[in-house]
């Protein structure tokens, strides 16, 4: 199964900030910090912000790899 399914976002390509916050279990402030630092890719559609589901999955993979490295383990592929 893809990361999109695991994040409970279905087959969507983008997520709203609220959906991304729920998927990552982070606050709105943390979400916007991740967007502003380039950790998550986003764009605006009219007045609405959209975050790419691919960037959410990539962010999680980077975090897991960093945690595995910190623990001295090999990161999962």
N, C-alpha and C. Protein backbone atom coordinates (compact mmCIF):
# COMPACT_ATOMS: atom_id res chain seq x y z
N UNK A 1 0.83 -1.17 0.00
CA UNK A 1 0.00 0.00 0.00
C UNK A 1 0.88 1.24 0.00
N UNK A 2 0.38 2.30 -0.56
CA UNK A 2 1.15 3.53 -0.64
C UNK A 2 1.07 4.30 0.67
N UNK A 3 1.95 5.28 0.78
CA UNK A 3 1.94 6.13 1.98
C UNK A 3 0.64 6.92 2.07
N UNK A 4 0.06 7.26 0.93
CA UNK A 4 -1.21 8.01 0.95
C UNK A 4 -2.27 7.22 1.69
N UNK A 5 -2.33 5.91 1.46
CA UNK A 5 -3.31 5.09 2.14
C UNK A 5 -3.00 5.03 3.62
N UNK A 6 -1.73 4.88 3.96
CA UNK A 6 -1.33 4.81 5.36
C UNK A 6 -1.64 6.11 6.10
N UNK A 7 -1.63 7.22 5.39
CA UNK A 7 -1.91 8.51 6.01
C UNK A 7 -3.40 8.80 6.04
N UNK A 8 -4.21 7.86 5.59
CA UNK A 8 -5.66 8.00 5.56
C UNK A 8 -6.10 9.17 4.70
N UNK A 9 -5.37 9.43 3.64
CA UNK A 9 -5.74 10.50 2.73
C UNK A 9 -6.27 9.94 1.42
N UNK A 10 -6.44 8.63 1.34
CA UNK A 10 -6.95 8.01 0.13
C UNK A 10 -6.00 8.19 -1.03
N UNK A 11 -6.55 8.38 -2.22
CA UNK A 11 -5.73 8.52 -3.42
C UNK A 11 -5.52 9.98 -3.77
N UNK A 12 -5.64 10.86 -2.82
CA UNK A 12 -5.48 12.29 -3.07
C UNK A 12 -4.03 12.64 -3.34
N UNK A 13 -3.85 13.68 -4.11
CA UNK A 13 -2.52 14.21 -4.40
C UNK A 13 -2.14 15.30 -3.42
N UNK A 14 -3.14 15.97 -2.86
CA UNK A 14 -2.89 17.08 -1.95
C UNK A 14 -3.75 16.93 -0.70
N UNK A 15 -3.32 17.63 0.34
CA UNK A 15 -4.05 17.64 1.60
C UNK A 15 -4.21 19.07 2.07
N UNK A 16 -5.28 19.33 2.76
CA UNK A 16 -5.47 20.64 3.38
C UNK A 16 -4.56 20.72 4.61
N UNK A 17 -4.31 21.90 5.13
CA UNK A 17 -3.53 21.99 6.35
C UNK A 17 -4.13 21.17 7.50
N UNK A 18 -5.44 21.18 7.65
CA UNK A 18 -6.06 20.39 8.71
C UNK A 18 -5.81 18.89 8.53
N UNK A 19 -5.91 18.40 7.29
CA UNK A 19 -5.65 16.99 7.02
C UNK A 19 -4.19 16.65 7.30
N UNK A 20 -3.28 17.53 6.89
CA UNK A 20 -1.85 17.29 7.12
C UNK A 20 -1.54 17.30 8.61
N UNK A 21 -2.16 18.22 9.36
CA UNK A 21 -1.94 18.27 10.80
C UNK A 21 -2.39 16.97 11.46
N UNK A 22 -3.53 16.46 11.05
CA UNK A 22 -4.04 15.20 11.61
C UNK A 22 -3.15 14.03 11.22
N UNK A 23 -2.69 13.99 9.97
CA UNK A 23 -1.84 12.90 9.51
C UNK A 23 -0.51 12.87 10.24
N UNK A 24 0.07 14.05 10.48
CA UNK A 24 1.38 14.14 11.12
C UNK A 24 1.30 14.29 12.64
N UNK A 25 0.10 14.51 13.16
CA UNK A 25 -0.10 14.73 14.59
C UNK A 25 0.75 15.88 15.10
N UNK A 26 0.65 17.01 14.38
CA UNK A 26 1.40 18.22 14.77
C UNK A 26 0.43 19.38 14.89
N UNK A 27 0.88 20.43 15.54
CA UNK A 27 0.08 21.65 15.68
C UNK A 27 0.12 22.45 14.38
N UNK A 28 -0.77 23.41 14.28
CA UNK A 28 -0.78 24.29 13.12
C UNK A 28 0.54 25.07 13.02
N UNK A 29 1.05 25.53 14.16
CA UNK A 29 2.33 26.27 14.15
C UNK A 29 3.45 25.39 13.62
N UNK A 30 3.50 24.15 14.07
CA UNK A 30 4.54 23.23 13.60
C UNK A 30 4.37 22.95 12.11
N UNK A 31 3.14 22.76 11.66
CA UNK A 31 2.90 22.51 10.24
C UNK A 31 3.42 23.66 9.39
N UNK A 32 3.11 24.89 9.78
CA UNK A 32 3.56 26.03 9.00
C UNK A 32 5.07 26.24 9.11
N UNK A 33 5.67 25.83 10.21
CA UNK A 33 7.13 25.84 10.29
C UNK A 33 7.72 24.86 9.28
N UNK A 34 7.13 23.68 9.18
CA UNK A 34 7.59 22.68 8.20
C UNK A 34 7.44 23.20 6.78
N UNK A 35 6.36 23.90 6.52
CA UNK A 35 6.15 24.48 5.18
C UNK A 35 7.16 25.59 4.93
N UNK A 36 7.34 26.48 5.89
CA UNK A 36 8.23 27.64 5.70
C UNK A 36 9.70 27.26 5.62
N UNK A 37 10.08 26.13 6.21
CA UNK A 37 11.47 25.68 6.13
C UNK A 37 11.72 24.75 4.94
N UNK A 38 10.67 24.49 4.16
CA UNK A 38 10.82 23.66 2.97
C UNK A 38 10.72 22.16 3.23
N UNK A 39 10.40 21.77 4.45
CA UNK A 39 10.25 20.34 4.75
C UNK A 39 9.02 19.76 4.05
N UNK A 40 7.98 20.57 3.90
CA UNK A 40 6.77 20.16 3.19
C UNK A 40 6.54 21.10 2.02
N UNK A 41 6.12 20.53 0.88
CA UNK A 41 5.82 21.34 -0.30
C UNK A 41 4.35 21.73 -0.26
N UNK A 42 4.09 23.00 -0.56
CA UNK A 42 2.70 23.46 -0.58
C UNK A 42 2.55 24.57 -1.60
N UNK A 43 1.29 24.86 -1.88
CA UNK A 43 0.94 25.96 -2.77
C UNK A 43 -0.43 26.46 -2.36
N UNK A 44 -0.79 27.61 -2.87
CA UNK A 44 -2.13 28.12 -2.60
C UNK A 44 -2.99 28.00 -3.85
N UNK A 45 -4.23 27.64 -3.62
CA UNK A 45 -5.24 27.56 -4.68
C UNK A 45 -6.33 28.54 -4.25
N UNK A 46 -6.32 29.72 -4.86
CA UNK A 46 -7.20 30.78 -4.39
C UNK A 46 -6.71 31.21 -3.01
N UNK A 47 -7.59 31.11 -2.01
CA UNK A 47 -7.20 31.45 -0.64
C UNK A 47 -6.85 30.21 0.19
N UNK A 48 -6.91 29.04 -0.44
CA UNK A 48 -6.67 27.79 0.29
C UNK A 48 -5.25 27.27 0.08
N UNK A 49 -4.62 26.82 1.15
CA UNK A 49 -3.30 26.21 1.06
C UNK A 49 -3.47 24.71 0.85
N UNK A 50 -2.63 24.13 0.02
CA UNK A 50 -2.61 22.69 -0.23
C UNK A 50 -1.19 22.17 -0.06
N UNK A 51 -1.06 21.05 0.60
CA UNK A 51 0.23 20.40 0.86
C UNK A 51 0.26 19.11 0.07
N UNK A 52 1.35 18.85 -0.64
CA UNK A 52 1.40 17.63 -1.44
C UNK A 52 1.55 16.42 -0.52
N UNK A 53 0.77 15.39 -0.82
CA UNK A 53 0.84 14.15 -0.04
C UNK A 53 2.21 13.51 -0.20
N UNK A 54 2.80 13.63 -1.38
CA UNK A 54 4.14 13.10 -1.61
C UNK A 54 5.14 13.73 -0.65
N UNK A 55 5.04 15.04 -0.41
CA UNK A 55 6.00 15.69 0.49
C UNK A 55 5.77 15.25 1.94
N UNK A 56 4.53 14.92 2.30
CA UNK A 56 4.26 14.40 3.64
C UNK A 56 4.95 13.05 3.80
N UNK A 57 4.81 12.18 2.81
CA UNK A 57 5.48 10.87 2.85
C UNK A 57 6.99 11.00 2.87
N UNK A 58 7.53 11.92 2.07
CA UNK A 58 8.98 12.13 2.04
C UNK A 58 9.48 12.64 3.39
N UNK A 59 8.72 13.54 3.99
CA UNK A 59 9.10 14.06 5.30
C UNK A 59 9.15 12.94 6.33
N UNK A 60 8.14 12.08 6.32
CA UNK A 60 8.13 10.96 7.27
C UNK A 60 9.31 10.02 7.04
N UNK A 61 9.65 9.75 5.78
CA UNK A 61 10.79 8.90 5.49
C UNK A 61 12.09 9.53 5.99
N UNK A 62 12.25 10.84 5.80
CA UNK A 62 13.46 11.52 6.29
C UNK A 62 13.53 11.45 7.81
N UNK A 63 12.40 11.66 8.48
CA UNK A 63 12.38 11.60 9.95
C UNK A 63 12.72 10.20 10.45
N UNK A 64 12.16 9.17 9.79
CA UNK A 64 12.45 7.79 10.18
C UNK A 64 13.92 7.45 9.95
N UNK A 65 14.48 7.91 8.85
CA UNK A 65 15.89 7.66 8.56
C UNK A 65 16.78 8.36 9.58
N UNK A 66 16.44 9.59 9.94
CA UNK A 66 17.22 10.33 10.94
C UNK A 66 17.14 9.65 12.29
N UNK A 67 15.96 9.16 12.65
CA UNK A 67 15.81 8.47 13.93
C UNK A 67 16.58 7.16 13.95
N UNK A 68 16.55 6.43 12.84
CA UNK A 68 17.30 5.18 12.75
C UNK A 68 18.79 5.46 12.86
N UNK A 69 19.27 6.52 12.21
CA UNK A 69 20.68 6.89 12.27
C UNK A 69 21.07 7.28 13.70
N UNK A 70 20.19 8.03 14.33
CA UNK A 70 20.44 8.44 15.72
C UNK A 70 20.58 7.24 16.63
N UNK A 71 19.79 6.23 16.38
CA UNK A 71 19.85 5.02 17.20
C UNK A 71 20.92 4.03 16.74
N UNK A 72 21.60 4.37 15.65
CA UNK A 72 22.65 3.51 15.14
C UNK A 72 22.12 2.31 14.39
N UNK A 73 20.91 2.45 13.85
CA UNK A 73 20.30 1.37 13.08
C UNK A 73 20.27 1.75 11.62
N UNK A 74 20.10 0.73 10.80
CA UNK A 74 19.95 0.97 9.38
C UNK A 74 18.53 1.39 9.09
N UNK A 75 18.38 2.42 8.26
CA UNK A 75 17.04 2.90 7.91
C UNK A 75 16.32 1.90 7.03
N UNK A 76 15.02 1.76 7.21
CA UNK A 76 14.21 0.87 6.39
C UNK A 76 14.09 1.45 4.99
N UNK A 77 14.11 0.58 3.99
CA UNK A 77 14.02 1.05 2.60
C UNK A 77 12.61 1.35 2.21
